[in-house]
PDB file of N, CA and C in Angstrom:
ATOM      1  N   MET A   1     147.694 200.606  47.194  1.00  0.00           N
ATOM      2  CA  MET A   1     148.252 199.463  47.888  1.00  0.00           C
ATOM      3  C   MET A   1     147.224 198.345  47.890  1.00  0.00           C
ATOM      4  N   ALA A   2     147.638 197.164  47.548  1.00  0.00           N
ATOM      5  CA  ALA A   2     146.754 196.007  47.597  1.00  0.00           C
ATOM      6  C   ALA A   2     146.687 195.473  49.029  1.00  0.00           C
ATOM      7  N   SER A   3     145.632 194.777  49.330  1.00  0.00           N
ATOM      8  CA  SER A   3     145.526 194.135  50.631  1.00  0.00           C
ATOM      9  C   SER A   3     146.675 193.154  50.812  1.00  0.00           C
ATOM     10  N   ALA A   4     147.119 192.988  52.070  1.00  0.00           N
ATOM     11  CA  ALA A   4     148.268 192.114  52.320  1.00  0.00           C
ATOM     12  C   ALA A   4     148.266 191.621  53.756  1.00  0.00           C
ATOM     13  N   LEU A   5     148.888 190.474  53.951  1.00  0.00           N
ATOM     14  CA  LEU A   5     149.192 190.004  55.297  1.00  0.00           C
ATOM     15  C   LEU A   5     150.570 190.547  55.643  1.00  0.00           C
ATOM     16  N   TYR A   6     150.721 191.037  56.865  1.00  0.00           N
ATOM     17  CA  TYR A   6     152.026 191.547  57.289  1.00  0.00           C
ATOM     18  C   TYR A   6     153.009 190.374  57.395  1.00  0.00           C
ATOM     19  N   PRO A   7     154.225 190.506  56.845  1.00  0.00           N
ATOM     20  CA  PRO A   7     155.217 189.433  56.922  1.00  0.00           C
ATOM     21  C   PRO A   7     155.513 188.995  58.363  1.00  0.00           C
ATOM     22  N   SER A   8     155.516 189.925  59.305  1.00  0.00           N
ATOM     23  CA  SER A   8     155.771 189.562  60.700  1.00  0.00           C
ATOM     24  C   SER A   8     154.673 188.632  61.227  1.00  0.00           C
ATOM     25  N   PHE A   9     153.424 188.834  60.772  1.00  0.00           N
ATOM     26  CA  PHE A   9     152.331 187.947  61.161  1.00  0.00           C
ATOM     27  C   PHE A   9     152.571 186.540  60.637  1.00  0.00           C
ATOM     28  N   LYS A  10     153.002 186.438  59.399  1.00  0.00           N
ATOM     29  CA  LYS A  10     153.266 185.114  58.825  1.00  0.00           C
ATOM     30  C   LYS A  10     154.301 184.367  59.658  1.00  0.00           C
ATOM     31  N   GLN A  11     155.336 185.076  60.079  1.00  0.00           N
ATOM     32  CA  GLN A  11     156.381 184.465  60.902  1.00  0.00           C
ATOM     33  C   GLN A  11     155.812 184.009  62.246  1.00  0.00           C
ATOM     34  N   LEU A  12     155.026 184.867  62.888  1.00  0.00           N
ATOM     35  CA  LEU A  12     154.430 184.518  64.176  1.00  0.00           C
ATOM     36  C   LEU A  12     153.462 183.353  64.046  1.00  0.00           C
ATOM     37  N   LEU A  13     152.696 183.346  62.973  1.00  0.00           N
ATOM     38  CA  LEU A  13     151.733 182.264  62.754  1.00  0.00           C
ATOM     39  C   LEU A  13     152.453 180.935  62.573  1.00  0.00           C
ATOM     40  N   LEU A  14     153.485 180.942  61.743  1.00  0.00           N
ATOM     41  CA  LEU A  14     154.237 179.699  61.512  1.00  0.00           C
ATOM     42  C   LEU A  14     154.970 179.232  62.754  1.00  0.00           C
ATOM     43  N   GLY A  15     155.337 180.170  63.622  1.00  0.00           N
ATOM     44  CA  GLY A  15     156.018 179.820  64.864  1.00  0.00           C
ATOM     45  C   GLY A  15     155.068 179.467  65.997  1.00  0.00           C
ATOM     46  N   GLY A  16     153.766 179.564  65.743  1.00  0.00           N
ATOM     47  CA  GLY A  16     152.778 179.222  66.769  1.00  0.00           C
ATOM     48  C   GLY A  16     152.573 180.313  67.804  1.00  0.00           C
ATOM     49  N   ASP A  17     152.998 181.550  67.501  1.00  0.00           N
ATOM     50  CA  ASP A  17     152.898 182.626  68.478  1.00  0.00           C
ATOM     51  C   ASP A  17     151.619 183.446  68.358  1.00  0.00           C
ATOM     52  N   ILE A  18     150.816 183.162  67.356  1.00  0.00           N
ATOM     53  CA  ILE A  18     149.485 183.771  67.224  1.00  0.00           C
ATOM     54  C   ILE A  18     148.494 182.650  66.999  1.00  0.00           C
ATOM     55  N   ASP A  19     147.402 182.694  67.764  1.00  0.00           N
ATOM     56  CA  ASP A  19     146.321 181.729  67.609  1.00  0.00           C
ATOM     57  C   ASP A  19     145.066 182.521  67.254  1.00  0.00           C
ATOM     58  N   LEU A  20     144.745 182.563  65.981  1.00  0.00           N
ATOM     59  CA  LEU A  20     143.614 183.371  65.525  1.00  0.00           C
ATOM     60  C   LEU A  20     142.303 182.957  66.186  1.00  0.00           C
ATOM     61  N   ALA A  21     142.173 181.698  66.528  1.00  0.00           N
ATOM     62  CA  ALA A  21     140.928 181.214  67.126  1.00  0.00           C
ATOM     63  C   ALA A  21     140.749 181.684  68.568  1.00  0.00           C
ATOM     64  N   SER A  22     141.838 181.770  69.340  1.00  0.00           N
ATOM     65  CA  SER A  22     141.693 182.092  70.761  1.00  0.00           C
ATOM     66  C   SER A  22     142.230 183.455  71.169  1.00  0.00           C
ATOM     67  N   ASP A  23     143.105 184.067  70.383  1.00  0.00           N
ATOM     68  CA  ASP A  23     143.635 185.380  70.734  1.00  0.00           C
ATOM     69  C   ASP A  23     142.587 186.462  70.514  1.00  0.00           C
ATOM     70  N   ASP A  24     142.768 187.606  71.175  1.00  0.00           N
ATOM     71  CA  ASP A  24     141.901 188.767  71.043  1.00  0.00           C
ATOM     72  C   ASP A  24     142.299 189.488  69.755  1.00  0.00           C
ATOM     73  N   ILE A  25     141.543 189.269  68.690  1.00  0.00           N
ATOM     74  CA  ILE A  25     141.817 189.865  67.384  1.00  0.00           C
ATOM     75  C   ILE A  25     140.842 191.024  67.176  1.00  0.00           C
ATOM     76  N   ARG A  26     141.369 192.171  66.755  1.00  0.00           N
ATOM     77  CA  ARG A  26     140.551 193.366  66.569  1.00  0.00           C
ATOM     78  C   ARG A  26     140.832 194.011  65.223  1.00  0.00           C
ATOM     79  N   ALA A  27     140.016 194.996  64.868  1.00  0.00           N
ATOM     80  CA  ALA A  27     140.186 195.726  63.612  1.00  0.00           C
ATOM     81  C   ALA A  27     140.135 197.220  63.881  1.00  0.00           C
ATOM     82  N   ILE A  28     140.935 197.952  63.129  1.00  0.00           N
ATOM     83  CA  ILE A  28     140.938 199.408  63.185  1.00  0.00           C
ATOM     84  C   ILE A  28     140.677 199.925  61.780  1.00  0.00           C
ATOM     85  N   ILE A  29     139.774 200.891  61.662  1.00  0.00           N
ATOM     86  CA  ILE A  29     139.621 201.549  60.367  1.00  0.00           C
ATOM     87  C   ILE A  29     140.596 202.720  60.349  1.00  0.00           C
ATOM     88  N   VAL A  30     141.293 202.877  59.214  1.00  0.00           N
ATOM     89  CA  VAL A  30     142.368 203.868  59.159  1.00  0.00           C
ATOM     90  C   VAL A  30     142.256 204.789  57.943  1.00  0.00           C
ATOM     91  N   ASP A  31     142.814 205.966  58.125  1.00  0.00           N
ATOM     92  CA  ASP A  31     142.911 206.969  57.070  1.00  0.00           C
ATOM     93  C   ASP A  31     144.274 206.810  56.404  1.00  0.00           C
ATOM     94  N   THR A  32     144.266 206.463  55.129  1.00  0.00           N
ATOM     95  CA  THR A  32     145.533 206.222  54.435  1.00  0.00           C
ATOM     96  C   THR A  32     146.284 207.510  54.100  1.00  0.00           C
ATOM     97  N   ALA A  33     145.683 208.660  54.350  1.00  0.00           N
ATOM     98  CA  ALA A  33     146.438 209.909  54.220  1.00  0.00           C
ATOM     99  C   ALA A  33     147.450 210.012  55.360  1.00  0.00           C
ATOM    100  N   ASP A  34     147.189 209.268  56.448  1.00  0.00           N
ATOM    101  CA  ASP A  34     148.052 209.321  57.627  1.00  0.00           C
ATOM    102  C   ASP A  34     148.818 208.023  57.877  1.00  0.00           C
ATOM    103  N   TYR A  35     148.505 206.967  57.133  1.00  0.00           N
ATOM    104  CA  TYR A  35     149.219 205.698  57.287  1.00  0.00           C
ATOM    105  C   TYR A  35     149.365 205.022  55.936  1.00  0.00           C
ATOM    106  N   THR A  36     150.579 204.586  55.669  1.00  0.00           N
ATOM    107  CA  THR A  36     150.873 203.816  54.470  1.00  0.00           C
ATOM    108  C   THR A  36     151.408 202.461  54.902  1.00  0.00           C
ATOM    109  N   TYR A  37     150.823 201.392  54.361  1.00  0.00           N
ATOM    110  CA  TYR A  37     151.282 200.039  54.662  1.00  0.00           C
ATOM    111  C   TYR A  37     152.784 199.932  54.414  1.00  0.00           C
ATOM    112  N   GLY A  38     153.449 199.216  55.297  1.00  0.00           N
ATOM    113  CA  GLY A  38     154.860 198.911  55.103  1.00  0.00           C
ATOM    114  C   GLY A  38     155.112 197.461  55.486  1.00  0.00           C
ATOM    115  N   ALA A  39     155.779 196.706  54.628  1.00  0.00           N
ATOM    116  CA  ALA A  39     156.050 195.294  54.900  1.00  0.00           C
ATOM    117  C   ALA A  39     156.878 195.112  56.171  1.00  0.00           C
ATOM    118  N   GLY A  40     157.616 196.122  56.568  1.00  0.00           N
ATOM    119  CA  GLY A  40     158.428 196.041  57.780  1.00  0.00           C
ATOM    120  C   GLY A  40     157.675 196.389  59.052  1.00  0.00           C
ATOM    121  N   HIS A  41     156.435 196.819  58.924  1.00  0.00           N
ATOM    122  CA  HIS A  41     155.641 197.145  60.115  1.00  0.00           C
ATOM    123  C   HIS A  41     155.261 195.850  60.823  1.00  0.00           C
ATOM    124  N   ASP A  42     155.378 195.854  62.145  1.00  0.00           N
ATOM    125  CA  ASP A  42     155.093 194.622  62.878  1.00  0.00           C
ATOM    126  C   ASP A  42     154.134 194.792  64.051  1.00  0.00           C
ATOM    127  N   PHE A  43     154.097 195.991  64.640  1.00  0.00           N
ATOM    128  CA  PHE A  43     153.234 196.216  65.794  1.00  0.00           C
ATOM    129  C   PHE A  43     152.352 197.442  65.583  1.00  0.00           C
ATOM    130  N   LEU A  44     151.301 197.532  66.363  1.00  0.00           N
ATOM    131  CA  LEU A  44     150.328 198.605  66.216  1.00  0.00           C
ATOM    132  C   LEU A  44     150.966 199.987  66.363  1.00  0.00           C
ATOM    133  N   ASP A  45     152.062 200.090  67.088  1.00  0.00           N
ATOM    134  CA  ASP A  45     152.702 201.402  67.220  1.00  0.00           C
ATOM    135  C   ASP A  45     153.289 201.898  65.901  1.00  0.00           C
ATOM    136  N   ASP A  46     153.312 201.065  64.875  1.00  0.00           N
ATOM    137  CA  ASP A  46     153.727 201.494  63.535  1.00  0.00           C
ATOM    138  C   ASP A  46     152.596 202.214  62.796  1.00  0.00           C
ATOM    139  N   VAL A  47     151.383 202.126  63.308  1.00  0.00           N
ATOM    140  CA  VAL A  47     150.232 202.825  62.734  1.00  0.00           C
ATOM    141  C   VAL A  47     150.011 204.087  63.577  1.00  0.00           C
ATOM    142  N   PRO A  48     150.302 205.259  63.035  1.00  0.00           N
ATOM    143  CA  PRO A  48     150.183 206.483  63.830  1.00  0.00           C
ATOM    144  C   PRO A  48     148.788 206.653  64.425  1.00  0.00           C
ATOM    145  N   ALA A  49     148.748 207.170  65.642  1.00  0.00           N
ATOM    146  CA  ALA A  49     147.473 207.378  66.322  1.00  0.00           C
ATOM    147  C   ALA A  49     146.535 208.244  65.481  1.00  0.00           C
ATOM    148  N   GLY A  50     147.082 209.209  64.746  1.00  0.00           N
ATOM    149  CA  GLY A  50     146.265 210.089  63.924  1.00  0.00           C
ATOM    150  C   GLY A  50     145.611 209.401  62.745  1.00  0.00           C
ATOM    151  N   ALA A  51     146.107 208.221  62.387  1.00  0.00           N
ATOM    152  CA  ALA A  51     145.528 207.464  61.273  1.00  0.00           C
ATOM    153  C   ALA A  51     144.387 206.570  61.736  1.00  0.00           C
ATOM    154  N   ARG A  52     144.325 206.311  63.019  1.00  0.00           N
ATOM    155  CA  ARG A  52     143.327 205.389  63.582  1.00  0.00           C
ATOM    156  C   ARG A  52     142.016 206.130  63.815  1.00  0.00           C
ATOM    157  N   VAL A  53     141.017 205.788  63.022  1.00  0.00           N
ATOM    158  CA  VAL A  53     139.742 206.487  63.120  1.00  0.00           C
ATOM    159  C   VAL A  53     138.845 205.850  64.174  1.00  0.00           C
ATOM    160  N   SER A  54     138.776 204.529  64.201  1.00  0.00           N
ATOM    161  CA  SER A  54     137.965 203.826  65.197  1.00  0.00           C
ATOM    162  C   SER A  54     138.440 202.384  65.295  1.00  0.00           C
ATOM    163  N   VAL A  55     138.322 201.817  66.500  1.00  0.00           N
ATOM    164  CA  VAL A  55     138.776 200.451  66.735  1.00  0.00           C
ATOM    165  C   VAL A  55     137.622 199.589  67.229  1.00  0.00           C
ATOM    166  N   SER A  56     137.621 198.340  66.808  1.00  0.00           N
ATOM    167  CA  SER A  56     136.571 197.416  67.226  1.00  0.00           C
ATOM    168  C   SER A  56     136.922 196.794  68.575  1.00  0.00           C
ATOM    169  N   SER A  57     135.943 196.155  69.155  1.00  0.00           N
ATOM    170  CA  SER A  57     136.220 195.262  70.278  1.00  0.00           C
ATOM    171  C   SER A  57     136.681 193.940  69.659  1.00  0.00           C
ATOM    172  N   ALA A  58     136.910 192.937  70.482  1.00  0.00           N
ATOM    173  CA  ALA A  58     137.374 191.647  69.974  1.00  0.00           C
ATOM    174  C   ALA A  58     136.409 191.105  68.919  1.00  0.00           C
ATOM    175  N   LEU A  59     136.962 190.595  67.825  1.00  0.00           N
ATOM    176  CA  LEU A  59     136.128 189.992  66.792  1.00  0.00           C
ATOM    177  C   LEU A  59     135.413 188.779  67.372  1.00  0.00           C
ATOM    178  N   GLY A  60     134.152 188.631  67.019  1.00  0.00           N
ATOM    179  CA  GLY A  60     133.363 187.517  67.512  1.00  0.00           C
ATOM    180  C   GLY A  60     133.122 186.473  66.431  1.00  0.00           C
ATOM    181  N   SER A  61     132.687 185.310  66.858  1.00  0.00           N
ATOM    182  CA  SER A  61     132.330 184.211  65.948  1.00  0.00           C
ATOM    183  C   SER A  61     133.439 183.900  64.952  1.00  0.00           C
ATOM    184  N   LYS A  62     134.682 183.890  65.436  1.00  0.00           N
ATOM    185  CA  LYS A  62     135.824 183.618  64.557  1.00  0.00           C
ATOM    186  C   LYS A  62     135.806 182.165  64.108  1.00  0.00           C
ATOM    187  N   THR A  63     136.164 181.967  62.835  1.00  0.00           N
ATOM    188  CA  THR A  63     136.267 180.621  62.286  1.00  0.00           C
ATOM    189  C   THR A  63     137.521 180.513  61.436  1.00  0.00           C
ATOM    190  N   ILE A  64     138.026 179.311  61.374  1.00  0.00           N
ATOM    191  CA  ILE A  64     139.142 178.983  60.479  1.00  0.00           C
ATOM    192  C   ILE A  64     138.737 177.702  59.768  1.00  0.00           C
ATOM    193  N   THR A  65     138.498 177.820  58.471  1.00  0.00           N
ATOM    194  CA  THR A  65     138.031 176.683  57.685  1.00  0.00           C
ATOM    195  C   THR A  65     138.773 176.637  56.358  1.00  0.00           C
ATOM    196  N   ASN A  66     139.413 175.519  56.086  1.00  0.00           N
ATOM    197  CA  ASN A  66     140.144 175.347  54.822  1.00  0.00           C
ATOM    198  C   ASN A  66     141.119 176.488  54.546  1.00  0.00           C
ATOM    199  N   GLY A  67     141.788 176.957  55.598  1.00  0.00           N
ATOM    200  CA  GLY A  67     142.780 178.017  55.447  1.00  0.00           C
ATOM    201  C   GLY A  67     142.216 179.420  55.353  1.00  0.00           C
ATOM    202  N   VAL A  68     140.927 179.570  55.615  1.00  0.00           N
ATOM    203  CA  VAL A  68     140.287 180.888  55.546  1.00  0.00           C
ATOM    204  C   VAL A  68     139.913 181.342  56.957  1.00  0.00           C
ATOM    205  N   PHE A  69     140.352 182.551  57.311  1.00  0.00           N
ATOM    206  CA  PHE A  69     139.998 183.162  58.594  1.00  0.00           C
ATOM    207  C   PHE A  69     138.817 184.080  58.374  1.00  0.00           C
ATOM    208  N   ASP A  70     137.802 183.964  59.225  1.00  0.00           N
ATOM    209  CA  ASP A  70     136.619 184.800  59.115  1.00  0.00           C
ATOM    210  C   ASP A  70     136.103 185.110  60.516  1.00  0.00           C
ATOM    211  N   ALA A  71     135.215 186.071  60.598  1.00  0.00           N
ATOM    212  CA  ALA A  71     134.592 186.463  61.867  1.00  0.00           C
ATOM    213  C   ALA A  71     133.289 187.170  61.547  1.00  0.00           C
ATOM    214  N   ALA A  72     132.518 187.416  62.584  1.00  0.00           N
ATOM    215  CA  ALA A  72     131.263 188.150  62.410  1.00  0.00           C
ATOM    216  C   ALA A  72     131.562 189.584  61.987  1.00  0.00           C
ATOM    217  N   ASP A  73     130.634 190.169  61.244  1.00  0.00           N
ATOM    218  CA  ASP A  73     130.754 191.575  60.885  1.00  0.00           C
ATOM    219  C   ASP A  73     130.806 192.412  62.166  1.00  0.00           C
ATOM    220  N   VAL A  74     131.354 193.615  62.054  1.00  0.00           N
ATOM    221  CA  VAL A  74     131.585 194.475  63.211  1.00  0.00           C
ATOM    222  C   VAL A  74     130.862 195.803  63.016  1.00  0.00           C
ATOM    223  N   THR A  75     130.260 196.298  64.079  1.00  0.00           N
ATOM    224  CA  THR A  75     129.673 197.633  64.059  1.00  0.00           C
ATOM    225  C   THR A  75     130.462 198.538  64.992  1.00  0.00           C
ATOM    226  N   LEU A  76     130.934 199.651  64.451  1.00  0.00           N
ATOM    227  CA  LEU A  76     131.625 200.676  65.231  1.00  0.00           C
ATOM    228  C   LEU A  76     130.634 201.813  65.421  1.00  0.00           C
ATOM    229  N   ASN A  77     130.407 202.213  66.657  1.00  0.00           N
ATOM    230  CA  ASN A  77     129.388 203.219  66.947  1.00  0.00           C
ATOM    231  C   ASN A  77     129.972 204.617  67.086  1.00  0.00           C
ATOM    232  N   ALA A  78     129.173 205.607  66.732  1.00  0.00           N
ATOM    233  CA  ALA A  78     129.523 207.021  66.899  1.00  0.00           C
ATOM    234  C   ALA A  78     130.895 207.348  66.334  1.00  0.00           C
ATOM    235  N   VAL A  79     131.111 206.995  65.075  1.00  0.00           N
ATOM    236  CA  VAL A  79     132.418 207.192  64.445  1.00  0.00           C
ATOM    237  C   VAL A  79     132.529 208.602  63.874  1.00  0.00           C
ATOM    238  N   THR A  80     133.583 209.291  64.271  1.00  0.00           N
ATOM    239  CA  THR A  80     133.896 210.611  63.745  1.00  0.00           C
ATOM    240  C   THR A  80     135.366 210.623  63.337  1.00  0.00           C
ATOM    241  N   GLY A  81     135.756 211.594  62.564  1.00  0.00           N
ATOM    242  CA  GLY A  81     137.161 211.722  62.195  1.00  0.00           C
ATOM    243  C   GLY A  81     137.348 211.741  60.698  1.00  0.00           C
ATOM    244  N   ASP A  82     138.587 211.480  60.305  1.00  0.00           N
ATOM    245  CA  ASP A  82     138.974 211.524  58.900  1.00  0.00           C
ATOM    246  C   ASP A  82     138.308 210.420  58.093  1.00  0.00           C
ATOM    247  N   SER A  83     138.355 210.585  56.778  1.00  0.00           N
ATOM    248  CA  SER A  83     137.841 209.546  55.887  1.00  0.00           C
ATOM    249  C   SER A  83     138.660 208.272  56.060  1.00  0.00           C
ATOM    250  N   VAL A  84     138.048 207.150  55.758  1.00  0.00           N
ATOM    251  CA  VAL A  84     138.650 205.835  55.967  1.00  0.00           C
ATOM    252  C   VAL A  84     138.807 205.137  54.627  1.00  0.00           C
ATOM    253  N   GLU A  85     140.009 204.567  54.414  1.00  0.00           N
ATOM    254  CA  GLU A  85     140.272 203.863  53.168  1.00  0.00           C
ATOM    255  C   GLU A  85     140.816 202.455  53.379  1.00  0.00           C
ATOM    256  N   ALA A  86     141.065 202.062  54.624  1.00  0.00           N
ATOM    257  CA  ALA A  86     141.638 200.738  54.876  1.00  0.00           C
ATOM    258  C   ALA A  86     141.265 200.240  56.267  1.00  0.00           C
ATOM    259  N   ILE A  87     141.476 198.945  56.457  1.00  0.00           N
ATOM    260  CA  ILE A  87     141.274 198.299  57.755  1.00  0.00           C
ATOM    261  C   ILE A  87     142.574 197.599  58.115  1.00  0.00           C
ATOM    262  N   VAL A  88     142.982 197.717  59.369  1.00  0.00           N
ATOM    263  CA  VAL A  88     144.130 196.983  59.872  1.00  0.00           C
ATOM    264  C   VAL A  88     143.612 196.006  60.925  1.00  0.00           C
ATOM    265  N   VAL A  89     143.925 194.734  60.735  1.00  0.00           N
ATOM    266  CA  VAL A  89     143.556 193.687  61.693  1.00  0.00           C
ATOM    267  C   VAL A  89     144.801 193.388  62.518  1.00  0.00           C
ATOM    268  N   TYR A  90     144.618 193.250  63.840  1.00  0.00           N
ATOM    269  CA  TYR A  90     145.770 193.041  64.719  1.00  0.00           C
ATOM    270  C   TYR A  90     145.397 192.207  65.932  1.00  0.00           C
ATOM    271  N   LYS A  91     146.428 191.697  66.620  1.00  0.00           N
ATOM    272  CA  LYS A  91     146.243 190.960  67.872  1.00  0.00           C
ATOM    273  C   LYS A  91     146.354 191.958  69.017  1.00  0.00           C
ATOM    274  N   HIS A  92     145.259 192.146  69.743  1.00  0.00           N
ATOM    275  CA  HIS A  92     145.230 193.097  70.855  1.00  0.00           C
ATOM    276  C   HIS A  92     145.939 192.495  72.063  1.00  0.00           C
ATOM    277  N   THR A  93     146.857 193.273  72.637  1.00  0.00           N
ATOM    278  CA  THR A  93     147.574 192.824  73.839  1.00  0.00           C
ATOM    279  C   THR A  93     147.456 193.827  74.975  1.00  0.00           C
ATOM    280  N   GLY A  94     146.894 195.009  74.684  1.00  0.00           N
ATOM    281  CA  GLY A  94     146.830 196.059  75.683  1.00  0.00           C
ATOM    282  C   GLY A  94     147.963 197.064  75.544  1.00  0.00           C
ATOM    283  N   SER A  95     148.945 196.762  74.707  1.00  0.00           N
ATOM    284  CA  SER A  95     150.066 197.664  74.470  1.00  0.00           C
ATOM    285  C   SER A  95     150.338 197.748  72.973  1.00  0.00           C
ATOM    286  N   ASP A  96     150.350 198.962  72.445  1.00  0.00           N
ATOM    287  CA  ASP A  96     150.609 199.144  71.012  1.00  0.00           C
ATOM    288  C   ASP A  96     151.962 198.572  70.603  1.00  0.00           C
ATOM    289  N   ALA A  97     152.918 198.568  71.515  1.00  0.00           N
ATOM    290  CA  ALA A  97     154.274 198.098  71.206  1.00  0.00           C
ATOM    291  C   ALA A  97     154.365 196.588  71.076  1.00  0.00           C
ATOM    292  N   THR A  98     153.331 195.859  71.524  1.00  0.00           N
ATOM    293  CA  THR A  98     153.356 194.396  71.435  1.00  0.00           C
ATOM    294  C   THR A  98     152.147 193.829  70.686  1.00  0.00           C
ATOM    295  N   ALA A  99     151.271 194.710  70.203  1.00  0.00           N
ATOM    296  CA  ALA A  99     150.065 194.283  69.479  1.00  0.00           C
ATOM    297  C   ALA A  99     150.460 193.988  68.029  1.00  0.00           C
ATOM    298  N   SER A 100     150.538 192.718  67.686  1.00  0.00           N
ATOM    299  CA  SER A 100     151.026 192.289  66.370  1.00  0.00           C
ATOM    300  C   SER A 100     150.043 192.605  65.254  1.00  0.00           C
ATOM    301  N   LEU A 101     150.572 193.217  64.190  1.00  0.00           N
ATOM    302  CA  LEU A 101     149.766 193.484  62.997  1.00  0.00           C
ATOM    303  C   LEU A 101     149.559 192.186  62.236  1.00  0.00           C
ATOM    304  N   ILE A 102     148.363 191.992  61.723  1.00  0.00           N
ATOM    305  CA  ILE A 102     148.021 190.761  61.015  1.00  0.00           C
ATOM    306  C   ILE A 102     147.764 191.034  59.538  1.00  0.00           C
ATOM    307  N   ALA A 103     146.800 191.898  59.245  1.00  0.00           N
ATOM    308  CA  ALA A 103     146.400 192.113  57.853  1.00  0.00           C
ATOM    309  C   ALA A 103     146.089 193.576  57.591  1.00  0.00           C
ATOM    310  N   TYR A 104     146.372 193.979  56.357  1.00  0.00           N
ATOM    311  CA  TYR A 104     146.029 195.303  55.857  1.00  0.00           C
ATOM    312  C   TYR A 104     145.027 195.076  54.730  1.00  0.00           C
ATOM    313  N   ILE A 105     143.842 195.667  54.862  1.00  0.00           N
ATOM    314  CA  ILE A 105     142.779 195.469  53.880  1.00  0.00           C
ATOM    315  C   ILE A 105     142.416 196.829  53.301  1.00  0.00           C
ATOM    316  N   ASP A 106     142.660 196.988  52.003  1.00  0.00           N
ATOM    317  CA  ASP A 106     142.335 198.263  51.377  1.00  0.00           C
ATOM    318  C   ASP A 106     141.013 198.163  50.622  1.00  0.00           C
ATOM    319  N   GLY A 107     140.657 199.242  49.949  1.00  0.00           N
ATOM    320  CA  GLY A 107     139.419 199.235  49.176  1.00  0.00           C
ATOM    321  C   GLY A 107     138.206 199.667  49.971  1.00  0.00           C
ATOM    322  N   VAL A 108     138.421 200.251  51.134  1.00  0.00           N
ATOM    323  CA  VAL A 108     137.337 200.738  51.978  1.00  0.00           C
ATOM    324  C   VAL A 108     137.098 202.208  51.637  1.00  0.00           C
ATOM    325  N   SER A 109     135.874 202.642  51.718  1.00  0.00           N
ATOM    326  CA  SER A 109     135.572 204.053  51.477  1.00  0.00           C
ATOM    327  C   SER A 109     134.434 204.481  52.383  1.00  0.00           C
ATOM    328  N   VAL A 110     134.801 205.164  53.475  1.00  0.00           N
ATOM    329  CA  VAL A 110     133.809 205.614  54.446  1.00  0.00           C
ATOM    330  C   VAL A 110     134.172 207.028  54.884  1.00  0.00           C
ATOM    331  N   THR A 111     133.178 207.890  54.942  1.00  0.00           N
ATOM    332  CA  THR A 111     133.359 209.213  55.521  1.00  0.00           C
ATOM    333  C   THR A 111     132.525 209.255  56.792  1.00  0.00           C
ATOM    334  N   PRO A 112     133.177 209.190  57.959  1.00  0.00           N
ATOM    335  CA  PRO A 112     132.438 209.171  59.224  1.00  0.00           C
ATOM    336  C   PRO A 112     131.589 210.437  59.404  1.00  0.00           C
ATOM    337  N   ASN A 113     130.399 210.228  59.984  1.00  0.00           N
ATOM    338  CA  ASN A 113     129.498 211.355  60.216  1.00  0.00           C
ATOM    339  C   ASN A 113     128.912 211.331  61.621  1.00  0.00           C
ATOM    340  N   GLY A 114     129.556 210.597  62.524  1.00  0.00           N
ATOM    341  CA  GLY A 114     129.054 210.498  63.888  1.00  0.00           C
ATOM    342  C   GLY A 114     128.144 209.311  64.107  1.00  0.00           C
ATOM    343  N   GLY A 115     127.787 208.625  63.048  1.00  0.00           N
ATOM    344  CA  GLY A 115     126.927 207.449  63.148  1.00  0.00           C
ATOM    345  C   GLY A 115     127.737 206.166  63.215  1.00  0.00           C
ATOM    346  N   ALA A 116     127.046 205.068  63.061  1.00  0.00           N
ATOM    347  CA  ALA A 116     127.687 203.752  63.099  1.00  0.00           C
ATOM    348  C   ALA A 116     128.346 203.437  61.756  1.00  0.00           C
ATOM    349  N   VAL A 117     129.447 202.710  61.817  1.00  0.00           N
ATOM    350  CA  VAL A 117     130.121 202.203  60.625  1.00  0.00           C
ATOM    351  C   VAL A 117     130.133 200.695  60.726  1.00  0.00           C
ATOM    352  N   GLN A 118     129.658 200.044  59.697  1.00  0.00           N
ATOM    353  CA  GLN A 118     129.602 198.582  59.655  1.00  0.00           C
ATOM    354  C   GLN A 118     130.789 198.056  58.862  1.00  0.00           C
ATOM    355  N   ILE A 119     131.568 197.177  59.478  1.00  0.00           N
ATOM    356  CA  ILE A 119     132.613 196.464  58.744  1.00  0.00           C
ATOM    357  C   ILE A 119     132.005 195.129  58.341  1.00  0.00           C
ATOM    358  N   GLN A 120     131.746 194.977  57.057  1.00  0.00           N
ATOM    359  CA  GLN A 120     131.192 193.730  56.534  1.00  0.00           C
ATOM    360  C   GLN A 120     132.311 192.998  55.810  1.00  0.00           C
ATOM    361  N   TRP A 121     132.772 191.925  56.418  1.00  0.00           N
ATOM    362  CA  TRP A 121     133.861 191.150  55.830  1.00  0.00           C
ATOM    363  C   TRP A 121     133.388 190.514  54.527  1.00  0.00           C
ATOM    364  N   ASP A 122     134.318 190.298  53.637  1.00  0.00           N
ATOM    365  CA  ASP A 122     134.023 189.660  52.361  1.00  0.00           C
ATOM    366  C   ASP A 122     133.351 188.311  52.620  1.00  0.00           C
ATOM    367  N   ALA A 123     132.424 187.935  51.772  1.00  0.00           N
ATOM    368  CA  ALA A 123     131.694 186.668  51.934  1.00  0.00           C
ATOM    369  C   ALA A 123     132.637 185.466  51.927  1.00  0.00           C
ATOM    370  N   SER A 124     133.801 185.608  51.304  1.00  0.00           N
ATOM    371  CA  SER A 124     134.748 184.491  51.264  1.00  0.00           C
ATOM    372  C   SER A 124     135.719 184.511  52.449  1.00  0.00           C
ATOM    373  N   GLY A 125     135.533 185.428  53.410  1.00  0.00           N
ATOM    374  CA  GLY A 125     136.361 185.476  54.605  1.00  0.00           C
ATOM    375  C   GLY A 125     137.203 186.723  54.662  1.00  0.00           C
ATOM    376  N   ILE A 126     137.841 186.941  55.824  1.00  0.00           N
ATOM    377  CA  ILE A 126     138.691 188.115  56.010  1.00  0.00           C
ATOM    378  C   ILE A 126     139.973 187.959  55.220  1.00  0.00           C
ATOM    379  N   PHE A 127     140.585 186.778  55.323  1.00  0.00           N
ATOM    380  CA  PHE A 127     141.749 186.466  54.480  1.00  0.00           C
ATOM    381  C   PHE A 127     141.934 184.965  54.417  1.00  0.00           C
ATOM    382  N   ALA A 128     142.660 184.529  53.394  1.00  0.00           N
ATOM    383  CA  ALA A 128     142.945 183.100  53.196  1.00  0.00           C
ATOM    384  C   ALA A 128     144.446 182.904  53.092  1.00  0.00           C
ATOM    385  N   LEU A 129     144.876 181.755  53.567  1.00  0.00           N
ATOM    386  CA  LEU A 129     146.297 181.397  53.440  1.00  0.00           C
ATOM    387  C   LEU A 129     146.457 180.453  52.279  1.00  0.00           C
TER     388      LEU A 129
END
């Protein structure tokens, strides 16, 4: 699966219902043996709990420049669980049923060993519109 923006996110963004600069945006590293991207997925409850290996706190130092969304790299501490092959970016609301999915980023390869996992965003940003 190639990296993609969730279609529901595009709709929310165009409708002004997501503000990447001010909303609480987070990332989850996921095991693709337990989750497969689906264009119809819209909320975090579409990502099974068993696929979620570790979740970040709110992304810091977020920027939006020339249509590119970026943020500071993230460190996840004491990560254990299944191997990780993707990252899901979402708007945290406190409820999986209302936490809007934003982006699916594949091409990750991490085998947790109880140590820290660093999410280093691409130098050109997390995603571009």
